[in-house]
Amino acid sequence: MNIISVEDPADPRLEPYHNLRHEDTSKRGDRFIAEGRLVVKRLLASHYPVESVLAEPGCLAELESLAPPEVPILVVSQSLIREVAGFNFHRGLLACGRRIPFSPVSMLEEHAVEGAMALATVSLNDLENLGSLLRTAAAFGIFRVLLNRQTADPLCRRVLRVSMGAALKMQYFDLVDPQRWFEENRQTRRWRTIATTLAPDSIPLERVARGTDAKMIVMGSEGDGLPEAIQQACLQRAKIPMAPGIDSLNVAVAGAIALYEFTRKTPN
């Protein structure tokens, strides 16, 4: 391993790790930070380039079979990690990854094959909900994710942590103009877009035909849900039936139910 001991908090190699508490969770910069043993290990095993790993001395053994020789392992004390990161850090490992650009949404055309599944989020900015939703999608074998520019950064530190690193497994598509894309798809019908909504004309999830066509579950924001115009541009509108007087579910919970419903095996 390429082990480097660092004692100076002003060392330029520590620059990516400074003041992590004040991370901009909406900005998708060139770098991102993975936090904690599990997420760092999953970053090292992923297709993302790794710029460096920041490790306490007691964590080095865990990196032996994972860290490529070209990746510097910056060994620092716990007190130095705390000073650099700006909060009381106890998870032992941090790593700086290099972002891979999101795929243009036009590439989705070639992914619209029989049995394909995708998840789209529109203005979903709660970090824990996004992380939970990505973890659930990965659990059900869904790895295509569309995000508009108002959705939180799926590679920000908290989303990565909540997703248990599952966010690193996704192929992301840049939904620059959601309205335009959903309207165009309504004409081509390459993807059967299913809006999750409580609109009066929506139908219960269990009544949505399964089929083998390419399907996309579309989720909105926590407070406002999906904009009406995007709901109208989707091919179907579906709801989760709830008890009287209850008008909504947490978006991560609702997404988990919808993803399960559309990926579960039905009896022959």
Foldseek 3Di string as FASTA:
>chain_A
DQEDEDDDLPPVVLVVQAQLVPDDQLDDDFKAKEAADQQVQLVLVFPWAWQEKEFEPVCVVVCVVRDDNVHYYYYYHQVSSCNGNVHNGDRGMMTMTGDDDAAAPVVCLVVFDWQAEEEEEELAADLLLLLLLLLLCVVLPHAEYEYESNYTDCRHHSSCVNVSNSSRRHRYYYCDDLLVVLQVCLVVVSEQEEEEDPDPPAAALLPPDQGGTYYYYYWYYQPPIDPPSSNVSHNHYHYHDDDPPDDDDGRSVRSSVNSCSNRPDDDD
